Amino acid sequence: MTSSEGCRPTGWPTGVGVGTVVEVLFFGRVADAFGRIARVEIPQKGCTVADLRLLLGGTAEGGAAALAERGVRAAVGGSLVDGDSWVRPDQEVAFFSMFSGG
């Protein structure tokens, strides 16, 4: 699977192996580009966080830039993960920018 295959936003034509919708949450500055939540169709076997990030980047104006900002993190199932981590259909996914504060 290449990065552009396998994960598709809900409503895109489906292909072989695609068929489960997951909810992706956005927080901080990333939410400014995407809103608070997106529903994304992924293969039943899942996909990587990197694949999901690339897919989402093309779904909103400024989305790719927002996800590429330094300090934007991903969490799967409530745990911080890297781009190689696997997203299964039953897991919660979140992208968020680092927060400042005291």
C-alpha atoms as a PDB file:
ATOM      1  CA  MET A   1       0.000   0.000   0.000  1.00  0.00           C
ATOM      2  CA  THR A   2       1.356   3.433  -0.875  1.00  0.00           C
ATOM      3  CA  SER A   3       0.639   6.459   1.252  1.00  0.00           C
ATOM      4  CA  SER A   4      -2.110   7.656  -1.066  1.00  0.00           C
ATOM      5  CA  GLU A   5      -3.928   4.314  -1.139  1.00  0.00           C
ATOM      6  CA  GLY A   6      -5.919   2.615   1.563  1.00  0.00           C
ATOM      7  CA  CYS A   7      -7.103   5.559   3.647  1.00  0.00           C
ATOM      8  CA  ARG A   8      -9.802   7.768   2.149  1.00  0.00           C
ATOM      9  CA  PRO A   9     -12.063  10.508   3.512  1.00  0.00           C
ATOM     10  CA  THR A  10     -15.675   9.479   3.974  1.00  0.00           C
ATOM     11  CA  GLY A  11     -17.541  10.049   0.730  1.00  0.00           C
ATOM     12  CA  TRP A  12     -14.618   9.304  -1.596  1.00  0.00           C
ATOM     13  CA  PRO A  13     -15.045   6.355  -3.921  1.00  0.00           C
ATOM     14  CA  THR A  14     -14.193   3.174  -2.068  1.00  0.00           C
ATOM     15  CA  GLY A  15     -11.747   0.605  -3.377  1.00  0.00           C
ATOM     16  CA  VAL A  16     -10.609  -2.871  -2.552  1.00  0.00           C
ATOM     17  CA  GLY A  17     -10.114  -3.371   1.168  1.00  0.00           C
ATOM     18  CA  VAL A  18     -11.672  -0.060   2.192  1.00  0.00           C
ATOM     19  CA  GLY A  19     -14.697   0.001   4.355  1.00  0.00           C
ATOM     20  CA  THR A  20     -14.396   1.070   7.996  1.00  0.00           C
ATOM     21  CA  VAL A  21     -14.907   4.599   9.276  1.00  0.00           C
ATOM     22  CA  VAL A  22     -12.867   5.992  12.174  1.00  0.00           C
ATOM     23  CA  GLU A  23     -13.269   9.298  13.926  1.00  0.00           C
ATOM     24  CA  VAL A  24     -10.244  11.557  14.081  1.00  0.00           C
ATOM     25  CA  LEU A  25     -10.158  14.321  16.691  1.00  0.00           C
ATOM     26  CA  PHE A  26      -8.244  17.590  16.301  1.00  0.00           C
ATOM     27  CA  PHE A  27      -7.028  19.920  19.059  1.00  0.00           C
ATOM     28  CA  GLY A  28      -5.123  23.185  19.292  1.00  0.00           C
ATOM     29  CA  ARG A  29      -4.010  24.904  16.098  1.00  0.00           C
ATOM     30  CA  VAL A  30      -4.656  21.760  14.052  1.00  0.00           C
ATOM     31  CA  ALA A  31      -8.365  22.149  14.828  1.00  0.00           C
ATOM     32  CA  ASP A  32      -8.258  25.610  13.224  1.00  0.00           C
ATOM     33  CA  ALA A  33      -7.716  23.902   9.853  1.00  0.00           C
ATOM     34  CA  PHE A  34      -9.902  20.807  10.316  1.00  0.00           C
ATOM     35  CA  GLY A  35     -12.513  21.578  12.920  1.00  0.00           C
ATOM     36  CA  ARG A  36     -12.908  19.301  15.927  1.00  0.00           C
ATOM     37  CA  ILE A  37     -13.638  15.971  14.240  1.00  0.00           C
ATOM     38  CA  ALA A  38     -13.447  14.165  10.907  1.00  0.00           C
ATOM     39  CA  ARG A  39     -14.796  10.804   9.860  1.00  0.00           C
ATOM     40  CA  VAL A  40     -12.333   8.910   7.676  1.00  0.00           C
ATOM     41  CA  GLU A  41     -12.696   5.634   5.847  1.00  0.00           C
ATOM     42  CA  ILE A  42      -9.763   3.239   6.279  1.00  0.00           C
ATOM     43  CA  PRO A  43      -9.160  -0.391   5.302  1.00  0.00           C
ATOM     44  CA  GLN A  44     -10.568  -2.972   7.685  1.00  0.00           C
ATOM     45  CA  LYS A  45      -7.004  -4.059   8.466  1.00  0.00           C
ATOM     46  CA  GLY A  46      -6.070  -0.450   9.346  1.00  0.00           C
ATOM     47  CA  CYS A  47      -3.342   1.922   8.128  1.00  0.00           C
ATOM     48  CA  THR A  48      -0.354   3.830   9.492  1.00  0.00           C
ATOM     49  CA  VAL A  49      -0.568   7.198  11.217  1.00  0.00           C
ATOM     50  CA  ALA A  50       1.643   8.588   8.434  1.00  0.00           C
ATOM     51  CA  ASP A  51      -0.874   7.402   5.797  1.00  0.00           C
ATOM     52  CA  LEU A  52      -3.715   8.960   7.743  1.00  0.00           C
ATOM     53  CA  ARG A  53      -1.793  12.238   8.152  1.00  0.00           C
ATOM     54  CA  LEU A  54      -1.128  12.431   4.384  1.00  0.00           C
ATOM     55  CA  LEU A  55      -4.727  11.674   3.582  1.00  0.00           C
ATOM     56  CA  LEU A  56      -6.082  14.272   5.974  1.00  0.00           C
ATOM     57  CA  GLY A  57      -3.662  16.921   4.736  1.00  0.00           C
ATOM     58  CA  GLY A  58      -5.489  17.065   1.424  1.00  0.00           C
ATOM     59  CA  THR A  59      -9.001  17.301   2.852  1.00  0.00           C
ATOM     60  CA  ALA A  60      -8.942  20.853   4.259  1.00  0.00           C
ATOM     61  CA  GLU A  61      -7.480  24.139   3.077  1.00  0.00           C
ATOM     62  CA  GLY A  62      -4.244  24.554   5.001  1.00  0.00           C
ATOM     63  CA  GLY A  63      -4.551  21.022   6.348  1.00  0.00           C
ATOM     64  CA  ALA A  64      -1.209  19.716   5.083  1.00  0.00           C
ATOM     65  CA  ALA A  65       0.610  22.733   6.533  1.00  0.00           C
ATOM     66  CA  ALA A  66      -1.207  22.401   9.861  1.00  0.00           C
ATOM     67  CA  LEU A  67      -0.284  18.724  10.216  1.00  0.00           C
ATOM     68  CA  ALA A  68       3.324  19.399   9.136  1.00  0.00           C
ATOM     69  CA  GLU A  69       3.932  22.103  11.755  1.00  0.00           C
ATOM     70  CA  ARG A  70       6.689  21.385  14.188  1.00  0.00           C
ATOM     71  CA  GLY A  71       5.335  19.901  17.383  1.00  0.00           C
ATOM     72  CA  VAL A  72       2.123  18.412  15.972  1.00  0.00           C
ATOM     73  CA  ARG A  73       1.641  15.072  17.689  1.00  0.00           C
ATOM     74  CA  ALA A  74      -0.586  12.076  17.134  1.00  0.00           C
ATOM     75  CA  ALA A  75      -2.261   9.807  19.636  1.00  0.00           C
ATOM     76  CA  VAL A  76      -3.882   6.451  18.996  1.00  0.00           C
ATOM     77  CA  GLY A  77      -5.979   4.938  21.727  1.00  0.00           C
ATOM     78  CA  GLY A  78      -4.896   7.686  24.106  1.00  0.00           C
ATOM     79  CA  SER A  79      -1.146   7.028  23.703  1.00  0.00           C
ATOM     80  CA  LEU A  80       1.359   9.247  21.884  1.00  0.00           C
ATOM     81  CA  VAL A  81       2.604   7.513  18.729  1.00  0.00           C
ATOM     82  CA  ASP A  82       4.887   8.059  15.756  1.00  0.00           C
ATOM     83  CA  GLY A  83       4.091   7.881  12.047  1.00  0.00           C
ATOM     84  CA  ASP A  84       4.820   4.168  11.764  1.00  0.00           C
ATOM     85  CA  SER A  85       2.211   3.258  14.361  1.00  0.00           C
ATOM     86  CA  TRP A  86      -0.796   1.310  13.164  1.00  0.00           C
ATOM     87  CA  VAL A  87      -4.366   2.608  13.347  1.00  0.00           C
ATOM     88  CA  ARG A  88      -7.045  -0.052  13.671  1.00  0.00           C
ATOM     89  CA  PRO A  89     -10.690   0.732  12.955  1.00  0.00           C
ATOM     90  CA  ASP A  90     -11.703   0.428  16.615  1.00  0.00           C
ATOM     91  CA  GLN A  91      -9.198   3.006  17.887  1.00  0.00           C
ATOM     92  CA  GLU A  92      -9.567   6.696  18.624  1.00  0.00           C
ATOM     93  CA  VAL A  93      -7.094   8.890  16.723  1.00  0.00           C
ATOM     94  CA  ALA A  94      -6.185  12.461  17.615  1.00  0.00           C
ATOM     95  CA  PHE A  95      -3.862  15.070  16.136  1.00  0.00           C
ATOM     96  CA  PHE A  96      -2.924  18.036  18.265  1.00  0.00           C
ATOM     97  CA  SER A  97      -0.460  20.878  18.371  1.00  0.00           C
ATOM     98  CA  MET A  98       1.677  21.413  21.427  1.00  0.00           C
ATOM     99  CA  PHE A  99       0.059  23.716  23.924  1.00  0.00           C
ATOM    100  CA  SER A 100       1.842  26.494  25.728  1.00  0.00           C
ATOM    101  CA  GLY A 101       0.963  27.636  29.167  1.00  0.00           C
ATOM    102  CA  GLY A 102       1.995  27.493  32.729  1.00  0.00           C
END
